[in-house]
N, C-alpha and C. Protein backbone atom coordinates (compact mmCIF):
# COMPACT_ATOMS: atom_id res chain seq x y z
N UNK A 1 177.67 297.13 84.38
CA UNK A 1 176.72 298.13 83.91
C UNK A 1 175.54 298.16 84.89
N UNK A 2 175.05 299.38 85.14
CA UNK A 2 173.93 299.57 86.06
C UNK A 2 172.60 299.28 85.37
N UNK A 3 171.68 298.76 86.18
CA UNK A 3 170.32 298.62 85.67
C UNK A 3 169.52 299.84 86.14
N UNK A 4 168.33 299.99 85.62
CA UNK A 4 167.49 301.13 86.00
C UNK A 4 167.11 301.05 87.47
N UNK A 5 166.86 299.84 87.98
CA UNK A 5 166.49 299.68 89.39
C UNK A 5 167.66 300.06 90.30
N UNK A 6 168.89 299.69 89.92
CA UNK A 6 170.06 300.06 90.73
C UNK A 6 170.25 301.56 90.75
N UNK A 7 170.04 302.20 89.64
CA UNK A 7 170.20 303.64 89.57
C UNK A 7 169.15 304.35 90.42
N UNK A 8 167.90 303.89 90.37
CA UNK A 8 166.85 304.48 91.21
C UNK A 8 167.14 304.27 92.69
N UNK A 9 167.62 303.09 93.05
CA UNK A 9 167.95 302.82 94.45
C UNK A 9 169.07 303.71 94.93
N UNK A 10 170.06 303.93 94.10
CA UNK A 10 171.17 304.81 94.48
C UNK A 10 170.69 306.24 94.65
N UNK A 11 169.82 306.70 93.75
CA UNK A 11 169.28 308.06 93.87
C UNK A 11 168.41 308.19 95.12
N UNK A 12 167.63 307.17 95.43
CA UNK A 12 166.78 307.23 96.62
C UNK A 12 167.62 307.27 97.89
N UNK A 13 168.69 306.51 97.92
CA UNK A 13 169.57 306.56 99.08
C UNK A 13 170.22 307.92 99.22
N UNK A 14 170.61 308.46 98.11
CA UNK A 14 171.30 309.74 98.15
C UNK A 14 170.33 310.86 98.54
N UNK A 15 169.16 310.89 97.95
CA UNK A 15 168.21 311.97 98.21
C UNK A 15 167.25 311.66 99.35
N UNK A 16 167.28 310.42 99.81
CA UNK A 16 166.39 309.95 100.87
C UNK A 16 164.93 310.28 100.54
N UNK A 17 164.51 309.79 99.39
CA UNK A 17 163.16 310.04 98.92
C UNK A 17 162.13 309.14 99.62
N UNK A 18 162.61 308.13 100.31
CA UNK A 18 161.66 307.26 100.99
C UNK A 18 161.17 307.97 102.25
N UNK A 19 159.99 307.59 102.70
CA UNK A 19 159.39 308.20 103.89
C UNK A 19 160.25 307.90 105.12
N UNK A 20 160.27 308.81 106.10
CA UNK A 20 161.10 308.60 107.29
C UNK A 20 160.71 307.34 108.05
N UNK A 21 159.42 306.99 108.08
CA UNK A 21 159.04 305.80 108.83
C UNK A 21 159.43 304.51 108.11
N UNK A 22 159.79 304.60 106.83
CA UNK A 22 160.24 303.42 106.10
C UNK A 22 161.75 303.27 106.14
N UNK A 23 162.48 304.24 106.67
CA UNK A 23 163.93 304.20 106.69
C UNK A 23 164.46 303.29 107.79
N UNK A 24 163.68 303.05 108.86
CA UNK A 24 164.13 302.20 109.96
C UNK A 24 163.22 300.98 110.02
N UNK A 25 163.70 299.90 110.55
CA UNK A 25 162.88 298.69 110.61
C UNK A 25 161.70 298.85 111.56
N UNK A 26 160.63 298.08 111.37
CA UNK A 26 159.47 298.20 112.24
C UNK A 26 159.83 297.90 113.69
N UNK A 27 159.22 298.68 114.62
CA UNK A 27 159.48 298.49 116.04
C UNK A 27 160.63 299.30 116.58
N UNK A 28 161.37 299.96 115.71
CA UNK A 28 162.50 300.78 116.16
C UNK A 28 162.07 302.24 116.16
N UNK A 29 162.32 302.92 117.29
CA UNK A 29 161.94 304.32 117.42
C UNK A 29 163.06 305.23 116.96
N UNK A 30 162.75 306.47 116.62
CA UNK A 30 163.80 307.44 116.30
C UNK A 30 164.71 307.65 117.52
N UNK A 31 165.93 308.10 117.32
CA UNK A 31 166.88 308.23 118.44
C UNK A 31 166.37 309.15 119.57
N UNK A 32 165.70 310.25 119.23
CA UNK A 32 165.21 311.16 120.27
C UNK A 32 164.13 310.49 121.10
N UNK A 33 163.31 309.68 120.47
CA UNK A 33 162.25 308.96 121.20
C UNK A 33 162.87 307.94 122.15
N UNK A 34 163.91 307.24 121.66
CA UNK A 34 164.57 306.24 122.51
C UNK A 34 165.12 306.90 123.77
N UNK A 35 165.76 308.05 123.61
CA UNK A 35 166.33 308.74 124.77
C UNK A 35 165.23 309.19 125.73
N UNK A 36 164.12 309.63 125.19
CA UNK A 36 163.01 310.08 126.05
C UNK A 36 162.41 308.91 126.82
N UNK A 37 162.20 307.78 126.10
CA UNK A 37 161.65 306.59 126.78
C UNK A 37 162.60 306.07 127.86
N UNK A 38 163.92 306.08 127.57
CA UNK A 38 164.90 305.60 128.56
C UNK A 38 164.95 306.53 129.77
N UNK A 39 164.74 307.82 129.55
CA UNK A 39 164.79 308.78 130.64
C UNK A 39 163.52 308.79 131.49
N UNK A 40 162.46 308.19 131.04
CA UNK A 40 161.21 308.19 131.80
C UNK A 40 161.35 307.40 133.10
N UNK A 41 162.10 306.33 133.11
CA UNK A 41 162.24 305.50 134.30
C UNK A 41 163.03 306.22 135.38
N UNK A 42 163.91 307.15 134.99
CA UNK A 42 164.75 307.84 135.97
C UNK A 42 164.10 309.12 136.50
N UNK A 43 162.96 309.53 135.99
CA UNK A 43 162.31 310.77 136.43
C UNK A 43 161.75 310.63 137.83
N UNK A 44 161.59 311.78 138.50
CA UNK A 44 161.06 311.80 139.85
C UNK A 44 159.56 311.50 139.84
N UNK A 45 158.80 312.12 138.97
CA UNK A 45 157.34 311.94 138.95
C UNK A 45 156.90 310.97 137.88
N UNK A 46 157.63 309.88 137.74
CA UNK A 46 157.32 308.94 136.65
C UNK A 46 155.98 308.24 136.89
N UNK A 47 155.43 307.74 135.81
CA UNK A 47 154.14 307.06 135.87
C UNK A 47 154.37 305.62 136.32
N UNK A 48 153.64 305.24 137.35
CA UNK A 48 153.70 303.85 137.80
C UNK A 48 152.28 303.33 137.85
N UNK A 49 152.11 302.08 137.77
CA UNK A 49 150.76 301.52 137.81
C UNK A 49 150.77 300.07 137.44
N UNK A 50 149.60 299.61 137.13
CA UNK A 50 149.43 298.20 136.81
C UNK A 50 150.08 297.87 135.48
N UNK A 51 150.42 296.63 135.37
CA UNK A 51 151.01 296.18 134.12
C UNK A 51 149.90 295.98 133.09
N UNK A 52 150.32 295.84 131.87
CA UNK A 52 149.33 295.67 130.80
C UNK A 52 148.57 294.36 130.98
N UNK A 53 149.25 293.30 131.43
CA UNK A 53 148.58 292.01 131.61
C UNK A 53 147.51 292.08 132.70
N UNK A 54 147.76 292.84 133.76
CA UNK A 54 146.75 292.95 134.82
C UNK A 54 145.51 293.71 134.32
N UNK A 55 145.70 294.69 133.46
CA UNK A 55 144.55 295.41 132.88
C UNK A 55 143.75 294.49 131.97
N UNK A 56 144.43 293.66 131.18
CA UNK A 56 143.74 292.72 130.30
C UNK A 56 142.96 291.72 131.13
N UNK A 57 143.53 291.26 132.25
CA UNK A 57 142.82 290.31 133.12
C UNK A 57 141.56 290.92 133.70
N UNK A 58 141.61 292.19 134.08
CA UNK A 58 140.42 292.85 134.62
C UNK A 58 139.34 292.96 133.54
N UNK A 59 139.73 293.29 132.34
CA UNK A 59 138.75 293.41 131.26
C UNK A 59 138.17 292.05 130.88
N UNK A 60 138.96 291.00 130.96
CA UNK A 60 138.46 289.66 130.65
C UNK A 60 137.50 289.15 131.71
N UNK A 61 137.61 289.65 132.94
CA UNK A 61 136.73 289.20 134.01
C UNK A 61 135.33 289.81 133.90
N UNK A 62 135.18 290.86 133.16
CA UNK A 62 133.86 291.49 133.00
C UNK A 62 132.93 290.58 132.20
N UNK A 63 131.62 290.65 132.47
CA UNK A 63 130.69 289.87 131.63
C UNK A 63 130.59 290.50 130.25
N UNK A 64 130.23 289.69 129.29
CA UNK A 64 130.10 290.18 127.93
C UNK A 64 128.92 291.14 127.83
N UNK A 65 129.05 292.13 126.99
CA UNK A 65 127.97 293.09 126.79
C UNK A 65 126.84 292.41 126.03
N UNK A 66 125.60 292.73 126.42
CA UNK A 66 124.45 292.14 125.74
C UNK A 66 124.18 292.87 124.45
N UNK A 67 123.69 292.12 123.49
CA UNK A 67 123.33 292.73 122.22
C UNK A 67 122.08 293.58 122.41
N UNK A 68 121.95 294.67 121.69
CA UNK A 68 120.75 295.49 121.84
C UNK A 68 119.50 294.71 121.41
N UNK A 69 118.39 295.04 122.07
CA UNK A 69 117.13 294.38 121.78
C UNK A 69 116.69 294.71 120.35
N UNK A 70 116.22 293.72 119.66
CA UNK A 70 115.77 293.93 118.29
C UNK A 70 114.32 294.41 118.31
N UNK A 71 114.02 295.34 117.44
CA UNK A 71 112.64 295.80 117.33
C UNK A 71 111.80 294.68 116.75
N UNK A 72 110.52 294.67 117.13
CA UNK A 72 109.61 293.68 116.58
C UNK A 72 109.36 293.94 115.11
N UNK A 73 108.61 293.06 114.50
CA UNK A 73 108.28 293.24 113.09
C UNK A 73 107.41 294.49 112.94
N UNK A 74 107.74 295.31 111.98
CA UNK A 74 107.02 296.56 111.76
C UNK A 74 106.05 296.39 110.59
N UNK A 75 104.93 297.10 110.69
CA UNK A 75 104.03 297.14 109.55
C UNK A 75 104.62 298.06 108.50
N UNK A 76 103.97 298.14 107.37
CA UNK A 76 104.50 298.97 106.30
C UNK A 76 104.58 300.43 106.71
N UNK A 77 103.54 300.95 107.39
CA UNK A 77 103.52 302.35 107.78
C UNK A 77 104.48 302.62 108.94
N UNK A 78 104.63 301.66 109.84
CA UNK A 78 105.60 301.85 110.92
C UNK A 78 107.02 301.88 110.37
N UNK A 79 107.30 301.03 109.39
CA UNK A 79 108.62 301.04 108.77
C UNK A 79 108.87 302.35 108.03
N UNK A 80 107.84 302.85 107.34
CA UNK A 80 107.98 304.14 106.65
C UNK A 80 108.22 305.27 107.64
N UNK A 81 107.47 305.25 108.75
CA UNK A 81 107.66 306.29 109.77
C UNK A 81 109.01 306.21 110.45
N UNK A 82 109.54 305.00 110.58
CA UNK A 82 110.84 304.87 111.24
C UNK A 82 111.98 305.39 110.37
N UNK A 83 111.75 305.55 109.07
CA UNK A 83 112.79 306.13 108.21
C UNK A 83 113.11 307.57 108.59
N UNK A 84 112.16 308.26 109.21
CA UNK A 84 112.36 309.67 109.55
C UNK A 84 113.05 309.85 110.90
N UNK A 85 113.34 308.78 111.60
CA UNK A 85 113.98 308.87 112.91
C UNK A 85 115.39 308.33 112.83
N UNK A 86 116.25 308.88 113.66
CA UNK A 86 117.61 308.37 113.73
C UNK A 86 117.59 307.01 114.41
N UNK A 87 118.40 306.12 113.96
CA UNK A 87 118.60 304.80 114.52
C UNK A 87 117.34 303.96 114.55
N UNK A 88 116.29 304.34 113.87
CA UNK A 88 115.07 303.56 113.66
C UNK A 88 114.26 303.32 114.92
N UNK A 89 114.60 303.93 116.03
CA UNK A 89 113.85 303.73 117.26
C UNK A 89 112.99 304.94 117.54
N UNK A 90 111.85 304.72 118.21
CA UNK A 90 110.97 305.82 118.58
C UNK A 90 111.63 306.73 119.60
N UNK A 91 111.03 307.89 119.86
CA UNK A 91 111.63 308.80 120.82
C UNK A 91 111.62 308.18 122.22
N UNK A 92 112.62 308.53 122.99
CA UNK A 92 112.72 308.03 124.36
C UNK A 92 111.57 308.59 125.18
N UNK A 93 111.15 307.88 126.21
CA UNK A 93 110.00 308.35 127.01
C UNK A 93 110.21 309.75 127.58
N UNK A 94 111.43 310.10 127.92
CA UNK A 94 111.65 311.44 128.47
C UNK A 94 111.61 312.53 127.40
N UNK A 95 111.73 312.14 126.13
CA UNK A 95 111.70 313.12 125.04
C UNK A 95 110.32 313.25 124.39
N UNK A 96 109.41 312.37 124.70
CA UNK A 96 108.11 312.38 124.03
C UNK A 96 107.31 313.63 124.35
N UNK A 97 107.36 314.08 125.59
CA UNK A 97 106.59 315.28 125.96
C UNK A 97 107.13 316.51 125.23
N UNK A 98 108.45 316.65 125.19
CA UNK A 98 109.06 317.77 124.48
C UNK A 98 108.71 317.72 122.99
N UNK A 99 108.75 316.52 122.42
CA UNK A 99 108.42 316.36 121.01
C UNK A 99 106.96 316.73 120.75
N UNK A 100 106.07 316.32 121.63
CA UNK A 100 104.65 316.62 121.46
C UNK A 100 104.40 318.13 121.58
N UNK A 101 105.04 318.79 122.55
CA UNK A 101 104.87 320.24 122.71
C UNK A 101 105.39 320.98 121.48
N UNK A 102 106.56 320.57 120.99
CA UNK A 102 107.13 321.23 119.81
C UNK A 102 106.26 321.02 118.58
N UNK A 103 105.72 319.82 118.41
CA UNK A 103 104.85 319.55 117.25
C UNK A 103 103.56 320.36 117.35
N UNK A 104 103.02 320.50 118.56
CA UNK A 104 101.79 321.28 118.74
C UNK A 104 102.02 322.75 118.43
N UNK A 105 103.11 323.30 118.94
CA UNK A 105 103.42 324.71 118.67
C UNK A 105 103.62 324.93 117.17
N UNK A 106 104.32 324.04 116.52
CA UNK A 106 104.54 324.17 115.08
C UNK A 106 103.23 324.09 114.31
N UNK A 107 102.36 323.17 114.69
CA UNK A 107 101.07 323.03 114.00
C UNK A 107 100.22 324.28 114.18
N UNK A 108 100.15 324.81 115.41
CA UNK A 108 99.36 326.02 115.66
C UNK A 108 99.93 327.19 114.88
N UNK A 109 101.25 327.33 114.87
CA UNK A 109 101.89 328.42 114.14
C UNK A 109 101.56 328.35 112.65
N UNK A 110 101.63 327.16 112.06
CA UNK A 110 101.32 327.03 110.65
C UNK A 110 99.85 327.30 110.36
N UNK A 111 98.96 326.86 111.23
CA UNK A 111 97.54 327.13 111.02
C UNK A 111 97.24 328.63 111.09
N UNK A 112 97.85 329.33 112.05
CA UNK A 112 97.66 330.78 112.14
C UNK A 112 98.21 331.46 110.88
N UNK A 113 99.36 331.03 110.42
CA UNK A 113 99.96 331.62 109.23
C UNK A 113 99.07 331.41 108.01
N UNK A 114 98.53 330.22 107.82
CA UNK A 114 97.65 329.94 106.68
C UNK A 114 96.36 330.74 106.79
N UNK A 115 95.81 330.85 108.01
CA UNK A 115 94.58 331.64 108.21
C UNK A 115 94.82 333.11 107.88
N UNK A 116 95.96 333.66 108.28
CA UNK A 116 96.28 335.04 107.95
C UNK A 116 96.43 335.24 106.44
N UNK A 117 97.07 334.29 105.78
CA UNK A 117 97.21 334.40 104.32
C UNK A 117 95.85 334.38 103.63
N UNK A 118 94.96 333.51 104.07
CA UNK A 118 93.62 333.45 103.47
C UNK A 118 92.85 334.74 103.77
N UNK A 119 92.98 335.25 104.99
CA UNK A 119 92.28 336.48 105.35
C UNK A 119 92.78 337.66 104.52
N UNK A 120 94.11 337.79 104.36
CA UNK A 120 94.66 338.87 103.54
C UNK A 120 94.20 338.75 102.09
N UNK A 121 94.16 337.53 101.57
CA UNK A 121 93.70 337.34 100.20
C UNK A 121 92.23 337.75 100.07
N UNK A 122 91.41 337.41 101.04
CA UNK A 122 89.99 337.76 101.03
C UNK A 122 89.80 339.27 101.09
N UNK A 123 90.53 339.95 101.98
CA UNK A 123 90.43 341.41 102.10
C UNK A 123 90.88 342.08 100.80
N UNK A 124 91.94 341.58 100.19
CA UNK A 124 92.43 342.16 98.94
C UNK A 124 91.39 342.00 97.84
N UNK A 125 90.80 340.82 97.73
CA UNK A 125 89.79 340.60 96.69
C UNK A 125 88.55 341.46 96.92
N UNK A 126 88.16 341.65 98.19
CA UNK A 126 87.04 342.53 98.49
C UNK A 126 87.34 343.97 98.08
N UNK A 127 88.57 344.42 98.35
CA UNK A 127 88.95 345.79 97.98
C UNK A 127 88.95 345.96 96.47
N UNK A 128 89.43 345.00 95.75
CA UNK A 128 89.46 345.08 94.30
C UNK A 128 88.04 345.09 93.75
N UNK A 129 87.16 344.24 94.28
CA UNK A 129 85.77 344.19 93.81
C UNK A 129 85.03 345.48 94.14
N UNK A 130 85.27 346.03 95.32
CA UNK A 130 84.61 347.27 95.73
C UNK A 130 85.03 348.43 94.83
N UNK A 131 86.30 348.48 94.51
CA UNK A 131 86.78 349.55 93.63
C UNK A 131 86.22 349.38 92.22
N UNK A 132 86.07 348.14 91.77
CA UNK A 132 85.52 347.90 90.43
C UNK A 132 84.06 348.31 90.37
N UNK A 133 83.28 348.10 91.43
CA UNK A 133 81.87 348.50 91.42
C UNK A 133 81.73 350.01 91.50
N UNK A 134 82.66 350.70 92.15
CA UNK A 134 82.61 352.16 92.22
C UNK A 134 82.82 352.77 90.84
N UNK A 135 83.69 352.19 90.05
CA UNK A 135 84.04 352.77 88.76
C UNK A 135 83.20 352.20 87.62
N UNK A 136 82.14 351.49 87.91
CA UNK A 136 81.41 350.78 86.87
C UNK A 136 80.82 351.74 85.83
N UNK A 137 80.32 352.90 86.17
CA UNK A 137 79.70 353.78 85.19
C UNK A 137 80.61 354.91 84.75
N UNK A 138 81.80 354.99 85.23
CA UNK A 138 82.68 356.11 84.92
C UNK A 138 83.29 356.03 83.54
N UNK A 139 83.67 354.90 83.11
CA UNK A 139 84.35 354.77 81.83
C UNK A 139 83.30 354.50 80.75
N UNK A 140 82.99 355.55 79.96
CA UNK A 140 82.00 355.43 78.90
C UNK A 140 82.73 355.67 77.58
N UNK A 141 82.44 354.83 76.64
CA UNK A 141 83.05 354.96 75.32
C UNK A 141 81.96 355.29 74.33
N UNK A 142 82.12 356.41 73.61
CA UNK A 142 81.14 356.80 72.60
C UNK A 142 81.63 356.29 71.26
N UNK A 143 80.75 355.59 70.57
CA UNK A 143 81.09 355.02 69.28
C UNK A 143 80.43 355.85 68.21
N UNK A 144 81.18 356.21 67.22
CA UNK A 144 80.65 357.02 66.12
C UNK A 144 81.05 356.34 64.82
N UNK A 145 80.08 356.06 64.02
CA UNK A 145 80.36 355.44 62.73
C UNK A 145 80.59 356.54 61.70
N UNK A 146 81.68 356.45 61.03
CA UNK A 146 82.02 357.45 60.03
C UNK A 146 81.78 356.82 58.65
N UNK A 147 81.02 357.49 57.83
CA UNK A 147 80.74 356.98 56.51
C UNK A 147 79.62 357.81 55.87
N UNK A 148 79.20 357.38 54.73
CA UNK A 148 78.13 358.10 54.05
C UNK A 148 76.90 357.26 54.00
N UNK A 149 75.78 357.85 54.32
CA UNK A 149 74.49 357.18 54.19
C UNK A 149 74.04 356.50 55.47
N UNK A 150 72.74 356.39 55.55
CA UNK A 150 72.08 355.69 56.64
C UNK A 150 71.05 354.77 56.01
N UNK A 151 70.41 353.92 56.79
CA UNK A 151 69.40 353.06 56.18
C UNK A 151 68.25 353.84 55.57
N UNK A 152 67.96 355.06 56.04
CA UNK A 152 66.87 355.83 55.47
C UNK A 152 67.24 356.43 54.12
N UNK A 153 68.51 356.67 53.89
CA UNK A 153 68.95 357.24 52.61
C UNK A 153 68.95 356.18 51.53
N UNK A 154 68.90 356.64 50.30
CA UNK A 154 68.91 355.71 49.16
C UNK A 154 70.34 355.19 49.01
N UNK A 155 70.48 353.83 49.06
CA UNK A 155 71.81 353.20 48.92
C UNK A 155 72.64 353.34 50.17
N UNK A 156 72.03 353.66 51.27
CA UNK A 156 72.80 353.92 52.46
C UNK A 156 72.93 352.75 53.40
N UNK A 157 72.62 351.60 53.06
CA UNK A 157 72.75 350.45 53.98
C UNK A 157 71.48 349.61 53.96
N UNK A 158 71.47 348.51 54.56
CA UNK A 158 70.31 347.62 54.57
C UNK A 158 69.25 348.17 55.49
N UNK A 159 67.97 348.17 55.07
CA UNK A 159 66.93 348.64 55.96
C UNK A 159 66.72 347.67 57.11
N UNK A 160 66.41 348.20 58.29
CA UNK A 160 66.19 347.39 59.48
C UNK A 160 64.76 346.86 59.43
N UNK A 161 64.53 345.53 59.54
CA UNK A 161 63.16 345.01 59.44
C UNK A 161 62.34 345.37 60.68
């Protein structure tokens, strides 16, 4: 009698549900790759050069790379300012002039923009105030009391002292 694992294995073999790279043992290439690799040695313009071991020897002869210099201890404000920069380092000396010019242009532009906004607001308020003073006496409301009697009449209201 078959077990569930045997049945699944038989179905996988039949349908080849496993990935293609899992169907062959590690280190074995597909047949087309094998033929291509074998044919490389017989080509006219084949690649020749140093062996892998000679390249490793050249790399081992190089001196070890130095670790990057560590920044000194930062104050609280320097640490806060370094959060706004990439890689926590200040601008390179060749970039400082460009950064300073860009910051100056941006600052001048914003100051001009704020000054224009304040000026427009001032002109608008002056225009509104000027128009209000022109119309100050134009709108007159006449009040008329409707009723019977006046203070001079008998029973017509309280007399004014």
